[in-house]
Amino acid sequence: MPANSLSKHNKRLNETVSKPFTEIDDQELEALIARVTEAKENNLALSPQDSQLLLDASLTLASMQDRLTHHNVTIDKLRISYG
């Protein structure tokens, strides 16, 4: 997705997310993935809480991608910086 489209997308998502960055630990992430997988396999709906968490995580990812793009950061540069 181009950077300018990403920025527009972030603005739209901003209205539906609870906060700009979402922190989730490994156990919470694994549990969310399991619930989403189960919902998908059984054609079930996600809970409002899981839906919100996915929206928050999407915004976090989009924001990080947008920031990396605007600061001309690449994976190679990150690897060099953080070994």
PDB file of N, CA and C in Angstrom:
ATOM      1  N   MET A   1       0.852  -1.172   0.000  1.00  0.00           N
ATOM      2  CA  MET A   1       0.000   0.000   0.000  1.00  0.00           C
ATOM      3  C   MET A   1       0.898   1.235   0.000  1.00  0.00           C
ATOM      4  N   PRO A   2       0.671   2.191  -0.889  1.00  0.00           N
ATOM      5  CA  PRO A   2       1.487   3.400  -0.917  1.00  0.00           C
ATOM      6  C   PRO A   2       1.359   4.198   0.374  1.00  0.00           C
ATOM      7  N   ALA A   3       2.422   4.957   0.684  1.00  0.00           N
ATOM      8  CA  ALA A   3       2.460   5.699   1.949  1.00  0.00           C
ATOM      9  C   ALA A   3       1.292   6.665   2.091  1.00  0.00           C
ATOM     10  N   ASN A   4       0.923   7.370   0.997  1.00  0.00           N
ATOM     11  CA  ASN A   4      -0.175   8.330   1.119  1.00  0.00           C
ATOM     12  C   ASN A   4      -1.510   7.626   1.355  1.00  0.00           C
ATOM     13  N   SER A   5      -1.700   6.453   0.777  1.00  0.00           N
ATOM     14  CA  SER A   5      -2.916   5.679   1.034  1.00  0.00           C
ATOM     15  C   SER A   5      -2.928   5.189   2.475  1.00  0.00           C
ATOM     16  N   LEU A   6      -1.750   4.824   2.958  1.00  0.00           N
ATOM     17  CA  LEU A   6      -1.622   4.353   4.330  1.00  0.00           C
ATOM     18  C   LEU A   6      -2.006   5.442   5.313  1.00  0.00           C
ATOM     19  N   SER A   7      -1.572   6.675   5.064  1.00  0.00           N
ATOM     20  CA  SER A   7      -1.920   7.792   5.941  1.00  0.00           C
ATOM     21  C   SER A   7      -3.426   8.019   5.968  1.00  0.00           C
ATOM     22  N   LYS A   8      -4.059   7.975   4.796  1.00  0.00           N
ATOM     23  CA  LYS A   8      -5.521   8.139   4.738  1.00  0.00           C
ATOM     24  C   LYS A   8      -6.211   7.008   5.487  1.00  0.00           C
ATOM     25  N   HIS A   9      -5.675   5.800   5.324  1.00  0.00           N
ATOM     26  CA  HIS A   9      -6.237   4.640   6.003  1.00  0.00           C
ATOM     27  C   HIS A   9      -6.094   4.789   7.515  1.00  0.00           C
ATOM     28  N   ASN A  10      -4.934   5.275   7.963  1.00  0.00           N
ATOM     29  CA  ASN A  10      -4.712   5.496   9.398  1.00  0.00           C
ATOM     30  C   ASN A  10      -5.733   6.470   9.961  1.00  0.00           C
ATOM     31  N   LYS A  11      -6.042   7.529   9.234  1.00  0.00           N
ATOM     32  CA  LYS A  11      -7.010   8.518   9.713  1.00  0.00           C
ATOM     33  C   LYS A  11      -8.384   7.889   9.880  1.00  0.00           C
ATOM     34  N   ARG A  12      -8.782   7.039   8.921  1.00  0.00           N
ATOM     35  CA  ARG A  12     -10.085   6.372   9.035  1.00  0.00           C
ATOM     36  C   ARG A  12     -10.083   5.393  10.204  1.00  0.00           C
ATOM     37  N   LEU A  13      -8.984   4.646  10.358  1.00  0.00           N
ATOM     38  CA  LEU A  13      -8.907   3.689  11.449  1.00  0.00           C
ATOM     39  C   LEU A  13      -8.897   4.373  12.804  1.00  0.00           C
ATOM     40  N   ASN A  14      -8.301   5.569  12.855  1.00  0.00           N
ATOM     41  CA  ASN A  14      -8.188   6.311  14.112  1.00  0.00           C
ATOM     42  C   ASN A  14      -9.536   6.482  14.800  1.00  0.00           C
ATOM     43  N   GLU A  15     -10.594   6.587  14.019  1.00  0.00           N
ATOM     44  CA  GLU A  15     -11.922   6.795  14.584  1.00  0.00           C
ATOM     45  C   GLU A  15     -12.483   5.525  15.220  1.00  0.00           C
ATOM     46  N   THR A  16     -11.922   4.368  14.870  1.00  0.00           N
ATOM     47  CA  THR A  16     -12.500   3.113  15.360  1.00  0.00           C
ATOM     48  C   THR A  16     -11.602   2.376  16.335  1.00  0.00           C
ATOM     49  N   VAL A  17     -10.433   2.916  16.627  1.00  0.00           N
ATOM     50  CA  VAL A  17      -9.525   2.217  17.531  1.00  0.00           C
ATOM     51  C   VAL A  17      -9.511   2.887  18.886  1.00  0.00           C
ATOM     52  N   SER A  18      -9.160   2.113  19.897  1.00  0.00           N
ATOM     53  CA  SER A  18      -9.200   2.649  21.251  1.00  0.00           C
ATOM     54  C   SER A  18      -7.945   3.421  21.615  1.00  0.00           C
ATOM     55  N   LYS A  19      -6.809   3.126  20.976  1.00  0.00           N
ATOM     56  CA  LYS A  19      -5.581   3.864  21.225  1.00  0.00           C
ATOM     57  C   LYS A  19      -4.647   3.671  20.032  1.00  0.00           C
ATOM     58  N   PRO A  20      -3.675   4.584  19.846  1.00  0.00           N
ATOM     59  CA  PRO A  20      -2.851   4.531  18.642  1.00  0.00           C
ATOM     60  C   PRO A  20      -1.881   3.352  18.584  1.00  0.00           C
ATOM     61  N   PHE A  21      -1.413   2.870  19.723  1.00  0.00           N
ATOM     62  CA  PHE A  21      -0.511   1.726  19.739  1.00  0.00           C
ATOM     63  C   PHE A  21      -1.033   0.692  20.724  1.00  0.00           C
ATOM     64  N   THR A  22      -0.980  -0.547  20.313  1.00  0.00           N
ATOM     65  CA  THR A  22      -1.474  -1.633  21.138  1.00  0.00           C
ATOM     66  C   THR A  22      -0.318  -2.539  21.514  1.00  0.00           C
ATOM     67  N   GLU A  23      -0.135  -2.744  22.802  1.00  0.00           N
ATOM     68  CA  GLU A  23       0.865  -3.696  23.275  1.00  0.00           C
ATOM     69  C   GLU A  23       0.137  -4.978  23.637  1.00  0.00           C
ATOM     70  N   ILE A  24       0.696  -6.081  23.179  1.00  0.00           N
ATOM     71  CA  ILE A  24       0.098  -7.379  23.471  1.00  0.00           C
ATOM     72  C   ILE A  24       1.248  -8.350  23.719  1.00  0.00           C
ATOM     73  N   ASP A  25       1.154  -9.115  24.805  1.00  0.00           N
ATOM     74  CA  ASP A  25       2.236 -10.055  25.092  1.00  0.00           C
ATOM     75  C   ASP A  25       2.046 -11.329  24.271  1.00  0.00           C
ATOM     76  N   ASP A  26       3.064 -12.176  24.296  1.00  0.00           N
ATOM     77  CA  ASP A  26       3.053 -13.381  23.471  1.00  0.00           C
ATOM     78  C   ASP A  26       1.860 -14.285  23.758  1.00  0.00           C
ATOM     79  N   GLN A  27       1.520 -14.448  25.035  1.00  0.00           N
ATOM     80  CA  GLN A  27       0.392 -15.318  25.393  1.00  0.00           C
ATOM     81  C   GLN A  27      -0.930 -14.747  24.884  1.00  0.00           C
ATOM     82  N   GLU A  28      -1.110 -13.437  25.036  1.00  0.00           N
ATOM     83  CA  GLU A  28      -2.336 -12.805  24.549  1.00  0.00           C
ATOM     84  C   GLU A  28      -2.438 -12.917  23.031  1.00  0.00           C
ATOM     85  N   LEU A  29      -1.314 -12.729  22.344  1.00  0.00           N
ATOM     86  CA  LEU A  29      -1.305 -12.831  20.887  1.00  0.00           C
ATOM     87  C   LEU A  29      -1.629 -14.247  20.440  1.00  0.00           C
ATOM     88  N   GLU A  30      -1.023 -15.235  21.078  1.00  0.00           N
ATOM     89  CA  GLU A  30      -1.303 -16.636  20.730  1.00  0.00           C
ATOM     90  C   GLU A  30      -2.775 -16.969  20.963  1.00  0.00           C
ATOM     91  N   ALA A  31      -3.339 -16.480  22.064  1.00  0.00           N
ATOM     92  CA  ALA A  31      -4.755 -16.737  22.360  1.00  0.00           C
ATOM     93  C   ALA A  31      -5.656 -16.064  21.331  1.00  0.00           C
ATOM     94  N   LEU A  32      -5.314 -14.833  20.942  1.00  0.00           N
ATOM     95  CA  LEU A  32      -6.103 -14.126  19.923  1.00  0.00           C
ATOM     96  C   LEU A  32      -6.041 -14.875  18.597  1.00  0.00           C
ATOM     97  N   ILE A  33      -4.849 -15.298  18.203  1.00  0.00           N
ATOM     98  CA  ILE A  33      -4.705 -16.045  16.948  1.00  0.00           C
ATOM     99  C   ILE A  33      -5.539 -17.322  16.991  1.00  0.00           C
ATOM    100  N   ALA A  34      -5.541 -18.006  18.123  1.00  0.00           N
ATOM    101  CA  ALA A  34      -6.341 -19.228  18.259  1.00  0.00           C
ATOM    102  C   ALA A  34      -7.831 -18.923  18.107  1.00  0.00           C
ATOM    103  N   ARG A  35      -8.287 -17.830  18.723  1.00  0.00           N
ATOM    104  CA  ARG A  35      -9.720 -17.470  18.625  1.00  0.00           C
ATOM    105  C   ARG A  35     -10.097 -17.068  17.201  1.00  0.00           C
ATOM    106  N   VAL A  36      -9.225 -16.334  16.546  1.00  0.00           N
ATOM    107  CA  VAL A  36      -9.501 -15.923  15.167  1.00  0.00           C
ATOM    108  C   VAL A  36      -9.506 -17.141  14.253  1.00  0.00           C
ATOM    109  N   THR A  37      -8.553 -18.042  14.451  1.00  0.00           N
ATOM    110  CA  THR A  37      -8.491 -19.270  13.646  1.00  0.00           C
ATOM    111  C   THR A  37      -9.742 -20.109  13.842  1.00  0.00           C
ATOM    112  N   GLU A  38     -10.158 -20.264  15.100  1.00  0.00           N
ATOM    113  CA  GLU A  38     -11.374 -21.028  15.387  1.00  0.00           C
ATOM    114  C   GLU A  38     -12.600 -20.372  14.742  1.00  0.00           C
ATOM    115  N   ALA A  39     -12.695 -19.069  14.847  1.00  0.00           N
ATOM    116  CA  ALA A  39     -13.827 -18.356  14.247  1.00  0.00           C
ATOM    117  C   ALA A  39     -13.848 -18.548  12.731  1.00  0.00           C
ATOM    118  N   LYS A  40     -12.680 -18.469  12.125  1.00  0.00           N
ATOM    119  CA  LYS A  40     -12.597 -18.631  10.673  1.00  0.00           C
ATOM    120  C   LYS A  40     -12.983 -20.046  10.259  1.00  0.00           C
ATOM    121  N   GLU A  41     -12.425 -21.035  10.948  1.00  0.00           N
ATOM    122  CA  GLU A  41     -12.681 -22.441  10.600  1.00  0.00           C
ATOM    123  C   GLU A  41     -14.134 -22.836  10.798  1.00  0.00           C
ATOM    124  N   ASN A  42     -14.797 -22.209  11.760  1.00  0.00           N
ATOM    125  CA  ASN A  42     -16.186 -22.575  12.080  1.00  0.00           C
ATOM    126  C   ASN A  42     -17.201 -21.533  11.630  1.00  0.00           C
ATOM    127  N   ASN A  43     -16.738 -20.584  10.819  1.00  0.00           N
ATOM    128  CA  ASN A  43     -17.618 -19.542  10.289  1.00  0.00           C
ATOM    129  C   ASN A  43     -18.363 -18.815  11.414  1.00  0.00           C
ATOM    130  N   LEU A  44     -17.593 -18.414  12.439  1.00  0.00           N
ATOM    131  CA  LEU A  44     -18.157 -17.722  13.596  1.00  0.00           C
ATOM    132  C   LEU A  44     -17.746 -16.257  13.589  1.00  0.00           C
ATOM    133  N   ALA A  45     -18.477 -15.453  14.308  1.00  0.00           N
ATOM    134  CA  ALA A  45     -18.123 -14.041  14.468  1.00  0.00           C
ATOM    135  C   ALA A  45     -17.152 -13.891  15.637  1.00  0.00           C
ATOM    136  N   LEU A  46     -16.315 -12.868  15.546  1.00  0.00           N
ATOM    137  CA  LEU A  46     -15.430 -12.545  16.667  1.00  0.00           C
ATOM    138  C   LEU A  46     -16.189 -11.733  17.699  1.00  0.00           C
ATOM    139  N   SER A  47     -15.729 -11.793  18.919  1.00  0.00           N
ATOM    140  CA  SER A  47     -16.329 -10.969  19.965  1.00  0.00           C
ATOM    141  C   SER A  47     -15.993  -9.505  19.682  1.00  0.00           C
ATOM    142  N   PRO A  48     -16.773  -8.588  20.221  1.00  0.00           N
ATOM    143  CA  PRO A  48     -16.444  -7.169  20.050  1.00  0.00           C
ATOM    144  C   PRO A  48     -15.045  -6.832  20.579  1.00  0.00           C
ATOM    145  N   GLN A  49     -14.637  -7.488  21.662  1.00  0.00           N
ATOM    146  CA  GLN A  49     -13.302  -7.228  22.224  1.00  0.00           C
ATOM    147  C   GLN A  49     -12.196  -7.687  21.272  1.00  0.00           C
ATOM    148  N   ASP A  50     -12.375  -8.872  20.687  1.00  0.00           N
ATOM    149  CA  ASP A  50     -11.374  -9.364  19.736  1.00  0.00           C
ATOM    150  C   ASP A  50     -11.357  -8.507  18.469  1.00  0.00           C
ATOM    151  N   SER A  51     -12.516  -8.097  18.023  1.00  0.00           N
ATOM    152  CA  SER A  51     -12.574  -7.215  16.851  1.00  0.00           C
ATOM    153  C   SER A  51     -11.846  -5.907  17.124  1.00  0.00           C
ATOM    154  N   GLN A  52     -12.054  -5.346  18.305  1.00  0.00           N
ATOM    155  CA  GLN A  52     -11.382  -4.101  18.674  1.00  0.00           C
ATOM    156  C   GLN A  52      -9.876  -4.296  18.762  1.00  0.00           C
ATOM    157  N   LEU A  53      -9.455  -5.417  19.344  1.00  0.00           N
ATOM    158  CA  LEU A  53      -8.032  -5.710  19.462  1.00  0.00           C
ATOM    159  C   LEU A  53      -7.392  -5.836  18.081  1.00  0.00           C
ATOM    160  N   LEU A  54      -8.077  -6.475  17.146  1.00  0.00           N
ATOM    161  CA  LEU A  54      -7.556  -6.591  15.782  1.00  0.00           C
ATOM    162  C   LEU A  54      -7.485  -5.230  15.099  1.00  0.00           C
ATOM    163  N   LEU A  55      -8.482  -4.388  15.307  1.00  0.00           N
ATOM    164  CA  LEU A  55      -8.430  -3.031  14.749  1.00  0.00           C
ATOM    165  C   LEU A  55      -7.270  -2.240  15.349  1.00  0.00           C
ATOM    166  N   ASP A  56      -7.099  -2.343  16.654  1.00  0.00           N
ATOM    167  CA  ASP A  56      -5.994  -1.646  17.318  1.00  0.00           C
ATOM    168  C   ASP A  56      -4.644  -2.134  16.791  1.00  0.00           C
ATOM    169  N   ALA A  57      -4.516  -3.453  16.645  1.00  0.00           N
ATOM    170  CA  ALA A  57      -3.258  -4.016  16.141  1.00  0.00           C
ATOM    171  C   ALA A  57      -3.014  -3.588  14.694  1.00  0.00           C
ATOM    172  N   SER A  58      -4.072  -3.511  13.906  1.00  0.00           N
ATOM    173  CA  SER A  58      -3.935  -3.050  12.516  1.00  0.00           C
ATOM    174  C   SER A  58      -3.445  -1.614  12.457  1.00  0.00           C
ATOM    175  N   LEU A  59      -3.977  -0.783  13.326  1.00  0.00           N
ATOM    176  CA  LEU A  59      -3.527   0.610  13.355  1.00  0.00           C
ATOM    177  C   LEU A  59      -2.080   0.698  13.801  1.00  0.00           C
ATOM    178  N   THR A  60      -1.703  -0.099  14.785  1.00  0.00           N
ATOM    179  CA  THR A  60      -0.315  -0.116  15.242  1.00  0.00           C
ATOM    180  C   THR A  60       0.610  -0.487  14.090  1.00  0.00           C
ATOM    181  N   LEU A  61       0.262  -1.525  13.357  1.00  0.00           N
ATOM    182  CA  LEU A  61       1.071  -1.948  12.221  1.00  0.00           C
ATOM    183  C   LEU A  61       1.115  -0.862  11.149  1.00  0.00           C
ATOM    184  N   ALA A  62      -0.037  -0.296  10.819  1.00  0.00           N
ATOM    185  CA  ALA A  62      -0.089   0.752   9.797  1.00  0.00           C
ATOM    186  C   ALA A  62       0.721   1.973  10.222  1.00  0.00           C
ATOM    187  N   SER A  63       0.631   2.336  11.490  1.00  0.00           N
ATOM    188  CA  SER A  63       1.386   3.483  11.992  1.00  0.00           C
ATOM    189  C   SER A  63       2.881   3.233  11.921  1.00  0.00           C
ATOM    190  N   MET A  64       3.299   2.026  12.298  1.00  0.00           N
ATOM    191  CA  MET A  64       4.718   1.682  12.236  1.00  0.00           C
ATOM    192  C   MET A  64       5.218   1.697  10.796  1.00  0.00           C
ATOM    193  N   GLN A  65       4.446   1.145   9.881  1.00  0.00           N
ATOM    194  CA  GLN A  65       4.836   1.150   8.468  1.00  0.00           C
ATOM    195  C   GLN A  65       4.937   2.576   7.949  1.00  0.00           C
ATOM    196  N   ASP A  66       3.978   3.401   8.331  1.00  0.00           N
ATOM    197  CA  ASP A  66       3.966   4.796   7.900  1.00  0.00           C
ATOM    198  C   ASP A  66       5.189   5.532   8.444  1.00  0.00           C
ATOM    199  N   ARG A  67       5.488   5.340   9.715  1.00  0.00           N
ATOM    200  CA  ARG A  67       6.650   5.995  10.329  1.00  0.00           C
ATOM    201  C   ARG A  67       7.953   5.527   9.691  1.00  0.00           C
ATOM    202  N   LEU A  68       8.058   4.226   9.458  1.00  0.00           N
ATOM    203  CA  LEU A  68       9.268   3.698   8.832  1.00  0.00           C
ATOM    204  C   LEU A  68       9.449   4.261   7.429  1.00  0.00           C
ATOM    205  N   THR A  69       8.359   4.360   6.690  1.00  0.00           N
ATOM    206  CA  THR A  69       8.415   4.903   5.341  1.00  0.00           C
ATOM    207  C   THR A  69       8.829   6.372   5.356  1.00  0.00           C
ATOM    208  N   HIS A  70       8.248   7.157   6.245  1.00  0.00           N
ATOM    209  CA  HIS A  70       8.547   8.587   6.301  1.00  0.00           C
ATOM    210  C   HIS A  70       9.958   8.867   6.804  1.00  0.00           C
ATOM    211  N   HIS A  71      10.530   7.938   7.543  1.00  0.00           N
ATOM    212  CA  HIS A  71      11.888   8.127   8.045  1.00  0.00           C
ATOM    213  C   HIS A  71      12.903   7.336   7.229  1.00  0.00           C
ATOM    214  N   ASN A  72      12.460   6.818   6.079  1.00  0.00           N
ATOM    215  CA  ASN A  72      13.331   6.095   5.161  1.00  0.00           C
ATOM    216  C   ASN A  72      14.085   4.964   5.871  1.00  0.00           C
ATOM    217  N   VAL A  73      13.361   4.241   6.692  1.00  0.00           N
ATOM    218  CA  VAL A  73      13.949   3.120   7.414  1.00  0.00           C
ATOM    219  C   VAL A  73      13.629   1.841   6.648  1.00  0.00           C
ATOM    220  N   THR A  74      14.624   1.022   6.453  1.00  0.00           N
ATOM    221  CA  THR A  74      14.420  -0.261   5.792  1.00  0.00           C
ATOM    222  C   THR A  74      14.784  -1.385   6.758  1.00  0.00           C
ATOM    223  N   ILE A  75      14.382  -2.580   6.414  1.00  0.00           N
ATOM    224  CA  ILE A  75      14.728  -3.745   7.239  1.00  0.00           C
ATOM    225  C   ILE A  75      16.243  -3.881   7.325  1.00  0.00           C
ATOM    226  N   ASP A  76      16.932  -3.656   6.204  1.00  0.00           N
ATOM    227  CA  ASP A  76      18.388  -3.752   6.222  1.00  0.00           C
ATOM    228  C   ASP A  76      18.997  -2.741   7.194  1.00  0.00           C
ATOM    229  N   LYS A  77      18.489  -1.518   7.207  1.00  0.00           N
ATOM    230  CA  LYS A  77      18.989  -0.499   8.133  1.00  0.00           C
ATOM    231  C   LYS A  77      18.720  -0.891   9.582  1.00  0.00           C
ATOM    232  N   LEU A  78      17.548  -1.488   9.842  1.00  0.00           N
ATOM    233  CA  LEU A  78      17.234  -1.936  11.194  1.00  0.00           C
ATOM    234  C   LEU A  78      18.154  -3.076  11.617  1.00  0.00           C
ATOM    235  N   ARG A  79      18.425  -3.985  10.700  1.00  0.00           N
ATOM    236  CA  ARG A  79      19.330  -5.095  11.023  1.00  0.00           C
ATOM    237  C   ARG A  79      20.721  -4.579  11.369  1.00  0.00           C
ATOM    238  N   ILE A  80      21.192  -3.596  10.623  1.00  0.00           N
ATOM    239  CA  ILE A  80      22.516  -3.022  10.893  1.00  0.00           C
ATOM    240  C   ILE A  80      22.510  -2.319  12.246  1.00  0.00           C
ATOM    241  N   SER A  81      21.444  -1.568  12.528  1.00  0.00           N
ATOM    242  CA  SER A  81      21.356  -0.809  13.776  1.00  0.00           C
ATOM    243  C   SER A  81      21.242  -1.696  15.007  1.00  0.00           C
ATOM    244  N   TYR A  82      20.471  -2.762  14.885  1.00  0.00           N
ATOM    245  CA  TYR A  82      20.182  -3.581  16.061  1.00  0.00           C
ATOM    246  C   TYR A  82      20.838  -4.959  16.029  1.00  0.00           C
ATOM    247  N   GLY A  83      21.717  -5.161  15.049  1.00  0.00           N
ATOM    248  CA  GLY A  83      22.503  -6.392  14.974  1.00  0.00           C
ATOM    249  C   GLY A  83      21.660  -7.576  14.817  1.00  0.00           C
TER     250      GLY A  83
END
